[in-house]
Amino acid sequence: MKKLLGLLILVVLACGCITSGTTTSTPASPAKETPTVHISGITSEEITLAELQSLGGVKFNATLVKSTGTKINNTYVGVPLKRVFEKLGIEESRVKWVRFRAEDGYEITLSMDDLKNAYLCWEENGEPLGPDNGGPIKLVIPDQPGKLWLKWLSEIKLIGDESAVVVHGKTKVTVVVTREDITELMNSFGMNVTVELKGENVTFSGVPLKLLLDKARPDDDAVNITFTAKDGYSATLDFMEVYGNDKAILTPNFRVVIPGEPSRTWVKDLREIVIG
């Protein structure tokens, strides 16, 4: 019995020594990121959800019209996009196009005319917008179809008319490409094409024109494509001939090069691509 009692005492003392050398703590919860919209292009800024709310929320009704024709009526609270511009000191006259990007990478580009009644919203039907319904910040445009609204807004790019090529016409969406976009795309999709120009072999570098046309999602009944320069010069070609040309490119200085087509159609200082 004495041996058993002694053994128990030793076990208790050992446990006490181990416990006294160990500190138990609860792991700290990771801090939640502050919802923020990053703004680039003409200016470089960012604005948080709290800052948006401090501009004064406007309560309004809007009807989401889906592509199927289904209509969904909701009540939102948000701030007009124009008020955000004023807060950041952005001159609307300098902005021609605005690109909105979601957290999942989806993006749309709209003209300032399309955005006269746009809101950045944080509340829907009396509840804060969460991940399940497009929050924490959602682009809502009451006078535009639902396909032009954007969930999970994370980035806004402001684009001036002087620094972009616009792809539109018979397309599902309008695509606006800046010089910075071309430079970024060159890293992954850049290619060289060698063509004969004025009796000499010349090599041009650029991104596949088909890549940009695919982003615009041309309509099935598209028949022609027109390239227009800043000075008004233009060239019109068969759409399928251009779309199917894997060597057709757009260069970083906004020149379209289409091997197999006359060089007079390789429009320089390109500003607009219209699919008709």
Protein backbone atom coordinates (compact mmCIF):
# COMPACT_ATOMS: atom_id res chain seq x y z
CA MET A 1 0.00 0.00 0.00
CA LYS A 2 2.82 2.42 0.91
CA LYS A 3 4.48 1.72 -2.46
CA LEU A 4 1.21 2.41 -4.31
CA LEU A 5 0.66 5.67 -2.40
CA GLY A 6 4.19 6.82 -3.19
CA LEU A 7 3.73 6.07 -6.87
CA LEU A 8 0.51 8.13 -6.98
CA ILE A 9 2.27 11.09 -5.35
CA LEU A 10 5.06 10.96 -7.95
CA VAL A 11 2.51 10.90 -10.80
CA VAL A 12 0.68 13.94 -9.37
CA LEU A 13 3.95 15.86 -8.94
CA ALA A 14 5.01 15.03 -12.53
CA CYS A 15 1.71 16.21 -13.92
CA GLY A 16 2.00 19.40 -11.95
CA CYS A 17 5.45 20.08 -13.40
CA ILE A 18 4.23 19.49 -16.95
CA THR A 19 1.18 21.70 -16.47
CA SER A 20 3.15 24.53 -14.92
CA GLY A 21 5.38 24.69 -18.01
CA THR A 22 2.54 24.85 -20.53
CA THR A 23 0.42 27.91 -21.38
CA THR A 24 -3.01 27.33 -22.93
CA SER A 25 -4.37 30.07 -25.20
CA THR A 26 -7.19 30.44 -27.71
CA PRO A 27 -5.96 31.14 -31.27
CA ALA A 28 -6.85 34.64 -32.40
CA SER A 29 -9.50 34.84 -35.12
CA PRO A 30 -8.17 36.21 -38.40
CA ALA A 31 -9.22 39.80 -38.99
CA LYS A 32 -11.89 40.19 -41.65
CA GLU A 33 -10.86 42.20 -44.67
CA THR A 34 -12.54 45.58 -45.03
CA PRO A 35 -14.76 45.56 -48.14
CA THR A 36 -13.01 47.92 -50.56
CA VAL A 37 -13.47 49.02 -54.16
CA HIS A 38 -10.16 49.70 -55.93
CA ILE A 39 -10.24 52.43 -58.59
CA SER A 40 -7.68 52.73 -61.39
CA GLY A 41 -7.19 54.26 -64.82
CA ILE A 42 -7.56 58.03 -64.90
CA THR A 43 -6.94 58.05 -61.15
CA SER A 44 -5.66 55.59 -58.56
CA GLU A 45 -7.83 55.47 -55.44
CA GLU A 46 -9.75 53.11 -53.22
CA ILE A 47 -12.92 53.52 -51.21
CA THR A 48 -14.18 51.28 -48.41
CA LEU A 49 -17.73 50.22 -47.71
CA ALA A 50 -17.74 52.42 -44.62
CA GLU A 51 -16.68 55.42 -46.71
CA LEU A 52 -19.42 54.70 -49.24
CA GLN A 53 -21.97 54.57 -46.45
CA SER A 54 -20.69 57.86 -45.03
CA LEU A 55 -21.67 59.58 -48.30
CA GLY A 56 -25.31 59.01 -47.41
CA GLY A 57 -27.40 56.04 -48.48
CA VAL A 58 -30.31 56.49 -50.87
CA LYS A 59 -33.25 54.08 -50.65
CA PHE A 60 -34.87 53.23 -53.99
CA ASN A 61 -36.82 50.54 -55.82
CA ALA A 62 -35.41 48.74 -58.85
CA THR A 63 -36.68 45.95 -61.08
CA LEU A 64 -34.16 43.35 -62.18
CA VAL A 65 -35.10 42.18 -65.69
CA LYS A 66 -33.46 38.85 -66.53
CA SER A 67 -32.62 37.68 -70.06
CA THR A 68 -35.62 35.34 -69.85
CA GLY A 69 -37.92 38.30 -69.27
CA THR A 70 -38.50 37.49 -65.61
CA LYS A 71 -38.86 40.61 -63.46
CA ILE A 72 -37.79 40.80 -59.81
CA ASN A 73 -38.65 43.87 -57.75
CA ASN A 74 -36.28 44.80 -54.90
CA THR A 75 -35.60 47.73 -52.61
CA TYR A 76 -31.98 48.86 -52.35
CA VAL A 77 -29.88 51.25 -50.32
CA GLY A 78 -26.77 52.65 -51.99
CA VAL A 79 -24.93 55.75 -53.11
CA PRO A 80 -25.10 57.23 -56.64
CA LEU A 81 -21.92 56.61 -58.63
CA LYS A 82 -21.76 60.35 -59.39
CA ARG A 83 -21.48 61.07 -55.68
CA VAL A 84 -18.53 58.67 -55.45
CA PHE A 85 -16.84 60.55 -58.29
CA GLU A 86 -17.38 63.83 -56.44
CA LYS A 87 -15.93 62.36 -53.25
CA LEU A 88 -12.77 61.26 -55.09
CA GLY A 89 -12.45 64.48 -57.11
CA ILE A 90 -12.95 62.74 -60.46
CA GLU A 91 -13.99 64.96 -63.38
CA GLU A 92 -16.76 63.15 -65.25
CA SER A 93 -15.83 64.92 -68.47
CA ARG A 94 -12.55 62.98 -68.52
CA VAL A 95 -14.28 59.61 -68.27
CA LYS A 96 -15.71 57.97 -71.39
CA TRP A 97 -15.98 54.35 -70.26
CA VAL A 98 -16.08 52.58 -66.89
CA ARG A 99 -15.04 48.96 -66.41
CA PHE A 100 -16.44 47.12 -63.40
CA ARG A 101 -14.82 43.91 -62.18
CA ALA A 102 -16.26 41.40 -59.71
CA GLU A 103 -14.33 39.42 -57.11
CA ASP A 104 -14.64 36.31 -59.31
CA GLY A 105 -13.03 38.09 -62.29
CA TYR A 106 -16.19 38.75 -64.30
CA GLU A 107 -16.25 42.25 -65.78
CA ILE A 108 -18.41 44.58 -67.85
CA THR A 109 -17.63 47.93 -69.49
CA LEU A 110 -20.24 50.65 -69.78
CA SER A 111 -20.29 54.17 -71.18
CA MET A 112 -20.95 57.13 -68.92
CA ASP A 113 -24.29 57.54 -70.70
CA ASP A 114 -25.29 54.08 -69.44
CA LEU A 115 -24.34 55.03 -65.88
CA LYS A 116 -26.37 58.18 -65.31
CA ASN A 117 -28.57 56.32 -62.82
CA ALA A 118 -26.00 53.87 -61.37
CA TYR A 119 -25.67 53.07 -57.66
CA LEU A 120 -23.14 51.21 -55.53
CA CYS A 121 -25.38 49.34 -53.09
CA TRP A 122 -24.88 47.57 -49.75
CA GLU A 123 -28.44 46.74 -48.75
CA GLU A 124 -31.27 44.80 -50.42
CA ASN A 125 -34.81 44.50 -49.09
CA GLY A 126 -33.78 45.77 -45.67
CA GLU A 127 -30.85 43.36 -45.24
CA PRO A 128 -27.10 43.90 -45.76
CA LEU A 129 -25.89 42.46 -49.05
CA GLY A 130 -23.87 39.31 -48.43
CA PRO A 131 -21.95 36.88 -50.67
CA ASP A 132 -25.13 34.96 -51.50
CA ASN A 133 -26.84 37.95 -53.10
CA GLY A 134 -23.96 39.88 -54.62
CA GLY A 135 -22.51 41.73 -51.64
CA PRO A 136 -20.98 43.32 -49.85
CA ILE A 137 -21.06 45.89 -52.69
CA LYS A 138 -23.25 45.55 -55.77
CA LEU A 139 -23.63 47.71 -58.89
CA VAL A 140 -27.33 48.40 -59.54
CA ILE A 141 -28.57 50.40 -62.55
CA PRO A 142 -32.38 50.73 -62.37
CA ASP A 143 -32.81 51.89 -65.98
CA GLN A 144 -30.59 49.17 -67.49
CA PRO A 145 -31.22 45.40 -67.97
CA GLY A 146 -30.05 43.03 -65.25
CA LYS A 147 -27.16 41.73 -67.39
CA LEU A 148 -25.47 45.11 -66.86
CA TRP A 149 -25.71 44.96 -63.07
CA LEU A 150 -22.67 43.51 -61.30
CA LYS A 151 -22.41 41.43 -58.13
CA TRP A 152 -19.40 41.31 -55.76
CA LEU A 153 -17.93 44.57 -57.05
CA SER A 154 -14.21 44.87 -56.28
CA GLU A 155 -12.62 47.07 -58.96
CA ILE A 156 -13.51 50.06 -61.12
CA LYS A 157 -11.36 51.27 -64.02
CA LEU A 158 -11.96 54.74 -65.46
CA ILE A 159 -11.08 55.00 -69.15
CA GLY A 160 -10.68 58.13 -71.25
CA ASP A 161 -11.69 58.21 -74.91
CA GLU A 162 -8.15 59.01 -76.02
CA SER A 163 -6.58 55.81 -74.70
CA ALA A 164 -8.82 52.94 -75.76
CA VAL A 165 -10.19 50.79 -78.59
CA VAL A 166 -13.91 50.06 -78.38
CA VAL A 167 -15.38 46.80 -79.74
CA HIS A 168 -19.16 46.95 -80.17
CA GLY A 169 -22.04 46.62 -82.62
CA LYS A 170 -23.62 43.20 -83.05
CA THR A 171 -22.14 41.93 -79.78
CA LYS A 172 -23.47 40.71 -76.45
CA VAL A 173 -21.26 43.14 -74.56
CA THR A 174 -19.11 46.18 -75.30
CA VAL A 175 -15.38 45.65 -74.86
CA VAL A 176 -13.01 48.56 -74.23
CA VAL A 177 -9.30 47.79 -74.51
CA THR A 178 -6.64 50.16 -73.16
CA ARG A 179 -2.92 50.21 -73.90
CA GLU A 180 -2.35 48.83 -70.41
CA ASP A 181 -4.69 45.93 -71.23
CA ILE A 182 -2.69 45.11 -74.37
CA THR A 183 0.57 45.21 -72.43
CA GLU A 184 -0.88 42.86 -69.79
CA LEU A 185 -2.32 40.49 -72.39
CA MET A 186 1.04 40.37 -74.19
CA ASN A 187 2.49 38.52 -71.21
CA SER A 188 0.19 35.54 -71.77
CA PHE A 189 -1.05 35.80 -75.35
CA GLY A 190 1.54 37.89 -77.20
CA MET A 191 2.53 36.64 -80.65
CA ASN A 192 4.65 37.74 -83.60
CA VAL A 193 3.57 37.74 -87.23
CA THR A 194 5.86 38.37 -90.18
CA VAL A 195 4.29 39.89 -93.27
CA GLU A 196 5.41 41.48 -96.51
CA LEU A 197 4.96 45.24 -96.41
CA LYS A 198 6.12 47.47 -99.26
CA GLY A 199 8.37 44.73 -100.59
CA GLU A 200 10.03 43.93 -97.27
CA ASN A 201 9.41 41.35 -94.55
CA VAL A 202 8.25 43.11 -91.40
CA THR A 203 7.51 41.51 -88.04
CA PHE A 204 4.70 42.86 -85.83
CA SER A 205 3.97 41.91 -82.22
CA GLY A 206 0.51 41.98 -80.68
CA VAL A 207 -2.36 40.01 -79.19
CA PRO A 208 -4.75 37.84 -81.25
CA LEU A 209 -7.64 39.91 -82.56
CA LYS A 210 -9.88 36.86 -82.08
CA LEU A 211 -9.22 37.05 -78.34
CA LEU A 212 -10.76 40.53 -78.17
CA LEU A 213 -13.65 39.62 -80.45
CA ASP A 214 -14.46 36.61 -78.28
CA LYS A 215 -14.65 38.90 -75.24
CA ALA A 216 -17.32 40.92 -77.05
CA ARG A 217 -19.28 37.74 -77.90
CA PRO A 218 -20.37 38.56 -81.49
CA ASP A 219 -23.93 37.79 -82.56
CA ASP A 220 -24.46 34.79 -84.80
CA ASP A 221 -25.70 36.96 -87.67
CA ALA A 222 -22.59 39.20 -87.82
CA VAL A 223 -21.49 39.67 -91.46
CA ASN A 224 -18.86 42.42 -91.51
CA ILE A 225 -16.33 44.18 -89.32
CA THR A 226 -15.24 47.82 -89.62
CA PHE A 227 -12.00 49.26 -88.24
CA THR A 228 -11.99 53.02 -87.71
CA ALA A 229 -9.00 55.22 -86.87
CA LYS A 230 -8.97 58.32 -84.71
CA ASP A 231 -8.82 60.53 -87.81
CA GLY A 232 -11.92 58.85 -89.29
CA TYR A 233 -10.22 56.55 -91.80
CA SER A 234 -11.93 53.16 -91.91
CA ALA A 235 -11.82 49.74 -93.57
CA THR A 236 -14.57 47.13 -93.73
CA LEU A 237 -13.95 43.40 -94.16
CA ASP A 238 -15.90 40.15 -94.05
CA PHE A 239 -16.39 39.28 -90.40
CA MET A 240 -15.83 35.52 -90.65
CA GLU A 241 -12.68 36.00 -92.76
CA VAL A 242 -11.20 38.19 -90.03
CA TYR A 243 -12.52 36.16 -87.10
CA GLY A 244 -11.12 32.93 -88.58
CA ASN A 245 -7.67 34.45 -89.21
CA ASP A 246 -5.47 33.16 -86.36
CA LYS A 247 -2.65 35.49 -87.36
CA ALA A 248 -4.67 38.72 -87.15
CA ILE A 249 -3.40 40.85 -84.24
CA LEU A 250 -3.82 44.17 -82.48
CA THR A 251 -0.49 45.79 -81.62
CA PRO A 252 0.26 47.74 -78.40
CA ASN A 253 0.22 51.00 -80.39
CA PHE A 254 -3.31 50.21 -81.64
CA ARG A 255 -2.64 49.01 -85.15
CA VAL A 256 -4.56 46.08 -86.56
CA VAL A 257 -2.50 43.70 -88.73
CA ILE A 258 -4.38 41.10 -90.77
CA PRO A 259 -2.13 38.87 -92.88
CA GLY A 260 -3.80 37.96 -96.17
CA GLU A 261 -5.76 41.21 -96.36
CA PRO A 262 -4.55 44.37 -98.18
CA SER A 263 -2.27 46.50 -96.01
CA ARG A 264 -4.61 49.48 -96.55
CA THR A 265 -7.04 47.67 -94.24
CA TRP A 266 -4.45 47.50 -91.46
CA VAL A 267 -5.80 50.57 -89.74
CA LYS A 268 -3.35 52.60 -87.63
CA ASP A 269 -4.22 54.56 -84.47
CA LEU A 270 -7.32 52.39 -84.16
CA ARG A 271 -10.19 53.72 -82.03
CA GLU A 272 -13.21 51.60 -82.89
CA ILE A 273 -14.13 48.12 -84.09
CA VAL A 274 -17.75 47.79 -85.14
CA ILE A 275 -19.25 44.38 -85.88
CA GLY A 276 -22.20 44.60 -88.24
